[in-house]
Structures are given as C-alpha cells and as structure tokens.
Amino acid sequence: MPSKRIVVILVSLVIALVLAIAVVVWWQFGFVYLRSYNQQAVFFTGDALRLPSELAQSESIRVVHFWDPHCPCHEETDAHLNYLIGMYRFADMDFYSVQKPGSEGSITPFLAGKLQPLAGLEGMDSVPASPAIAIWDKTGKLAYAGPYSEGMVCNSSNSFVEPVLDALISGRPVHATNAMAQGCYCDWGAAHEK
C-alpha cells in the first residue's frame, strides 16, 4: 500500500495537470478575450461620406474599414475583415482603412499591409461608431455604410457585408447607406483620453 505522502503528491500532480490543461484550452479558444458586453443600438448613416478625388476615379470596388485601436469590439471584426480580404482577393476590389481621429495605435498585425491607410474621408464625422465599413461601387457611388454585422460577434453568418460585395461584383446596384444595428460598438466621436 502506497504511503500517504506518495498519494498526496500524485493527487497534487493530477490536479496541476488538469489546471494546466484548462489554462491551455482557455487560452487556445480565446476565452481570455471575453469581457462584459454592452449591447447597444446604433444608427449608422453614410450619406455624407466622400472618397478622396484620386480614389473616386478608380474603377474598382472600394472598401473602407473604420477602426479605433482602443476599441475591444474590433477583435472579431478584424478577423472577419481578414477573411473578406482573402475571400475577395481575386475580385476587382481595393481595401483601405481610416483610424479614429486623435487615436494612437497600430492595426492588428495580421491586417498590416493588407489595407491602404487613409488620413481621413470627407464626412467621416458622421460615422457614429466603430467598427464600421463603407463600400463604394465601381462607379464611385456609395453602396453601403454601416456595421459589419449585428450582435456580439462578427462573422460571415451574420454579416451585412458579403451580400453587398457579392451584389456589386455581379453588377447589381446597391444603395444601403443607413443602417441600424445592435451589437458591440465603440463611439467614433472624441478620441480616448490618455
């Protein structure tokens, strides 16, 4: 019969192993990023948005990502945007980004080099929250302005973006420049205090 000391050591090792596995699973599946979720309804309007003249002349679909480096809501959206860039890589489409004015920070590393940064857009003060997206068709007409999706997470299953892009690629007109959505959004107004 094993001594009590060996049993205590074995039980302690098993508990430590179970805890280590739990931590790895927790980390691997992204549960460390869970946070309180304040679902809010936001009305997006994009009628005031204008592309810079050099981009307005392009004959490709233009996609502009509005982002705030301090907004935790971008984690899911950035992954979705990366998926969109890959999915539409052979389409005649250009991807740009606009960082929240007055904010400091870098775009997610896996998006670095995939988006052309813009200093700003005329009318971007009308964007109420981020993450947000604006899409112009091949003629330079604003086709969509609003959120990527509705709800706590952003992916293809609840996205507003893929149907718009698919319609534009197939030559169908889209005009959806106002949208109301409920989800995880950060105010696009004044920059965060440092």
Protein backbone atom coordinates (compact mmCIF):
# COMPACT_ATOMS: atom_id res chain seq x y z
CA MET A 1 0.00 0.00 0.00
CA PRO A 2 1.46 3.38 -1.07
CA SER A 3 2.29 5.84 1.60
CA LYS A 4 0.08 8.87 2.22
CA ARG A 5 2.85 11.15 1.01
CA ILE A 6 3.00 9.49 -2.42
CA VAL A 7 -0.80 9.64 -2.74
CA VAL A 8 -0.80 13.36 -1.87
CA ILE A 9 1.97 14.01 -4.42
CA LEU A 10 0.14 12.05 -7.15
CA VAL A 11 -3.17 13.78 -6.44
CA SER A 12 -1.39 17.17 -6.48
CA LEU A 13 0.25 16.34 -9.82
CA VAL A 14 -3.08 15.27 -11.34
CA ILE A 15 -4.74 18.49 -10.12
CA ALA A 16 -1.86 20.56 -11.50
CA LEU A 17 -2.09 18.73 -14.85
CA VAL A 18 -5.86 19.31 -15.05
CA LEU A 19 -5.39 23.00 -14.24
CA ALA A 20 -2.63 23.33 -16.85
CA ILE A 21 -4.85 21.71 -19.50
CA ALA A 22 -7.72 24.01 -18.52
CA VAL A 23 -5.50 27.09 -18.90
CA VAL A 24 -4.28 25.93 -22.34
CA VAL A 25 -7.84 25.27 -23.51
CA TRP A 26 -8.97 28.62 -22.10
CA TRP A 27 -6.15 30.40 -23.96
CA GLN A 28 -6.45 28.40 -27.20
CA PHE A 29 -10.14 29.03 -27.70
CA GLY A 30 -9.99 32.73 -26.97
CA PHE A 31 -11.97 32.76 -23.76
CA VAL A 32 -9.37 35.14 -22.34
CA TYR A 33 -10.90 37.79 -24.60
CA LEU A 34 -14.38 37.51 -23.11
CA ARG A 35 -15.48 40.68 -21.44
CA SER A 36 -18.69 42.27 -20.37
CA TYR A 37 -20.82 43.05 -23.37
CA ASN A 38 -22.85 46.20 -23.51
CA GLN A 39 -25.25 45.64 -26.37
CA GLN A 40 -26.37 48.95 -27.80
CA ALA A 41 -28.40 50.04 -30.79
CA VAL A 42 -26.54 52.37 -33.14
CA PHE A 43 -27.89 54.14 -36.21
CA PHE A 44 -25.28 54.36 -38.95
CA THR A 45 -25.60 56.91 -41.72
CA GLY A 46 -23.11 57.32 -44.51
CA ASP A 47 -24.70 59.79 -46.92
CA ALA A 48 -22.07 62.43 -46.06
CA LEU A 49 -19.09 60.15 -46.79
CA ARG A 50 -16.98 61.07 -49.82
CA LEU A 51 -13.90 59.39 -51.25
CA PRO A 52 -10.81 61.48 -51.95
CA SER A 53 -10.79 62.51 -55.62
CA GLU A 54 -7.88 60.19 -56.50
CA LEU A 55 -9.86 57.19 -55.19
CA ALA A 56 -13.20 58.32 -56.60
CA GLN A 57 -11.78 57.96 -60.13
CA SER A 58 -10.81 54.31 -59.63
CA GLU A 59 -12.94 51.73 -61.42
CA SER A 60 -12.70 49.12 -58.69
CA ILE A 61 -14.93 48.44 -55.69
CA ARG A 62 -13.52 50.39 -52.73
CA VAL A 63 -13.90 49.11 -49.17
CA VAL A 64 -13.01 51.39 -46.25
CA HIS A 65 -12.62 49.99 -42.73
CA PHE A 66 -13.15 52.46 -39.85
CA TRP A 67 -11.26 51.36 -36.75
CA ASP A 68 -10.29 52.52 -33.28
CA PRO A 69 -7.15 50.97 -31.73
CA HIS A 70 -8.71 51.25 -28.25
CA CYS A 71 -11.98 49.50 -29.10
CA PRO A 72 -12.25 45.89 -27.89
CA CYS A 73 -15.06 45.27 -30.40
CA HIS A 74 -12.51 45.14 -33.23
CA GLU A 75 -11.08 41.74 -32.32
CA GLU A 76 -13.85 39.78 -34.05
CA THR A 77 -14.28 42.34 -36.82
CA ASP A 78 -10.57 42.34 -37.69
CA ALA A 79 -10.67 38.56 -38.11
CA HIS A 80 -13.77 38.90 -40.30
CA LEU A 81 -12.10 41.64 -42.37
CA ASN A 82 -9.04 39.43 -42.86
CA TYR A 83 -11.39 36.68 -44.09
CA LEU A 84 -13.08 39.14 -46.50
CA ILE A 85 -9.74 40.27 -47.93
CA GLY A 86 -8.81 36.66 -48.59
CA MET A 87 -12.21 35.72 -49.98
CA TYR A 88 -12.33 38.63 -52.43
CA ARG A 89 -8.63 38.71 -53.32
CA PHE A 90 -9.36 37.96 -56.99
CA ALA A 91 -12.19 40.48 -57.28
CA ASP A 92 -11.54 43.97 -58.56
CA MET A 93 -11.58 45.41 -55.04
CA ASP A 94 -9.33 47.70 -53.02
CA PHE A 95 -9.24 47.79 -49.21
CA TYR A 96 -8.50 50.93 -47.18
CA SER A 97 -8.54 51.86 -43.51
CA VAL A 98 -9.30 55.01 -41.55
CA GLN A 99 -8.12 55.18 -37.95
CA LYS A 100 -10.21 57.08 -35.42
CA PRO A 101 -9.01 60.71 -35.44
CA GLY A 102 -6.80 61.58 -32.48
CA SER A 103 -6.19 57.96 -31.51
CA GLU A 104 -2.83 56.23 -31.42
CA GLY A 105 -2.09 52.60 -32.09
CA SER A 106 -1.33 50.05 -34.74
CA ILE A 107 -3.68 47.93 -36.74
CA THR A 108 -3.82 44.23 -35.91
CA PRO A 109 -0.60 42.58 -37.15
CA PHE A 110 -2.40 40.11 -39.43
CA LEU A 111 -4.04 43.07 -41.26
CA ALA A 112 -0.81 45.06 -41.62
CA GLY A 113 0.00 45.59 -45.28
CA LYS A 114 -3.42 44.39 -46.45
CA LEU A 115 -5.16 47.77 -46.07
CA GLN A 116 -4.05 51.07 -47.52
CA PRO A 117 -4.30 53.67 -44.75
CA LEU A 118 -6.16 56.90 -45.43
CA ALA A 119 -5.73 60.03 -43.30
CA GLY A 120 -9.48 60.50 -43.36
CA LEU A 121 -12.57 60.88 -45.51
CA GLU A 122 -14.86 63.80 -46.04
CA GLY A 123 -17.94 63.24 -43.89
CA MET A 124 -16.34 60.68 -41.59
CA ASP A 125 -17.55 62.68 -38.60
CA SER A 126 -21.00 61.28 -39.43
CA VAL A 127 -19.79 57.76 -38.61
CA PRO A 128 -21.32 57.16 -35.16
CA ALA A 129 -19.33 54.14 -34.03
CA SER A 130 -16.69 51.61 -34.95
CA PRO A 131 -16.11 49.02 -36.17
CA ALA A 132 -17.77 50.26 -39.34
CA ILE A 133 -17.33 49.85 -43.06
CA ALA A 134 -18.15 51.85 -46.18
CA ILE A 135 -18.27 50.35 -49.67
CA TRP A 136 -18.25 52.24 -52.96
CA ASP A 137 -19.20 50.57 -56.24
CA LYS A 138 -17.12 50.67 -59.43
CA THR A 139 -18.69 53.98 -60.49
CA GLY A 140 -17.73 55.69 -57.22
CA LYS A 141 -21.26 55.65 -55.77
CA LEU A 142 -21.56 54.85 -52.07
CA ALA A 143 -23.28 51.47 -51.91
CA TYR A 144 -23.15 50.63 -48.20
CA ALA A 145 -22.17 52.35 -44.97
CA GLY A 146 -22.66 50.79 -41.59
CA PRO A 147 -21.61 47.98 -39.32
CA TYR A 148 -20.07 44.73 -40.44
CA SER A 149 -22.76 42.74 -38.68
CA GLU A 150 -25.17 42.73 -35.81
CA GLY A 151 -24.62 41.05 -32.46
CA MET A 152 -21.74 40.26 -30.18
CA VAL A 153 -19.54 38.55 -32.75
CA CYS A 154 -18.82 39.44 -36.32
CA ASN A 155 -18.52 36.70 -38.93
CA SER A 156 -19.92 35.59 -42.26
CA SER A 157 -23.03 34.05 -40.75
CA ASN A 158 -24.38 37.40 -39.52
CA SER A 159 -22.58 39.78 -41.87
CA PHE A 160 -24.18 42.61 -43.82
CA VAL A 161 -21.05 42.97 -45.96
CA GLU A 162 -20.80 39.79 -48.09
CA PRO A 163 -24.24 40.21 -49.70
CA VAL A 164 -23.36 43.79 -50.65
CA LEU A 165 -19.98 42.81 -52.12
CA ASP A 166 -21.47 39.84 -53.98
CA ALA A 167 -24.17 42.06 -55.50
CA LEU A 168 -21.62 44.68 -56.58
CA ILE A 169 -19.32 42.05 -58.10
CA SER A 170 -22.24 40.66 -60.12
CA GLY A 171 -23.10 44.17 -61.34
CA ARG A 172 -26.28 44.65 -59.29
CA PRO A 173 -26.74 48.13 -57.79
CA VAL A 174 -26.86 48.54 -54.01
CA HIS A 175 -27.88 51.59 -52.00
CA ALA A 176 -27.82 50.88 -48.28
CA THR A 177 -26.20 53.91 -46.69
CA ASN A 178 -28.26 53.93 -43.50
CA ALA A 179 -28.44 51.02 -41.08
CA MET A 180 -29.43 50.36 -37.51
CA ALA A 181 -27.75 47.53 -35.68
CA GLN A 182 -27.41 46.27 -32.17
CA GLY A 183 -24.04 44.96 -31.09
CA CYS A 184 -20.61 45.75 -29.74
CA TYR A 185 -19.60 49.21 -30.94
CA CYS A 186 -17.34 52.00 -29.68
CA ASP A 187 -18.11 55.69 -30.04
CA TRP A 188 -16.35 57.25 -33.04
CA GLY A 189 -16.56 60.76 -31.50
CA ALA A 190 -13.76 62.32 -29.47
CA ALA A 191 -10.58 60.29 -29.07
CA HIS A 192 -9.95 58.47 -25.80
CA GLU A 193 -8.20 60.42 -23.10
CA LYS A 194 -4.65 59.35 -22.46
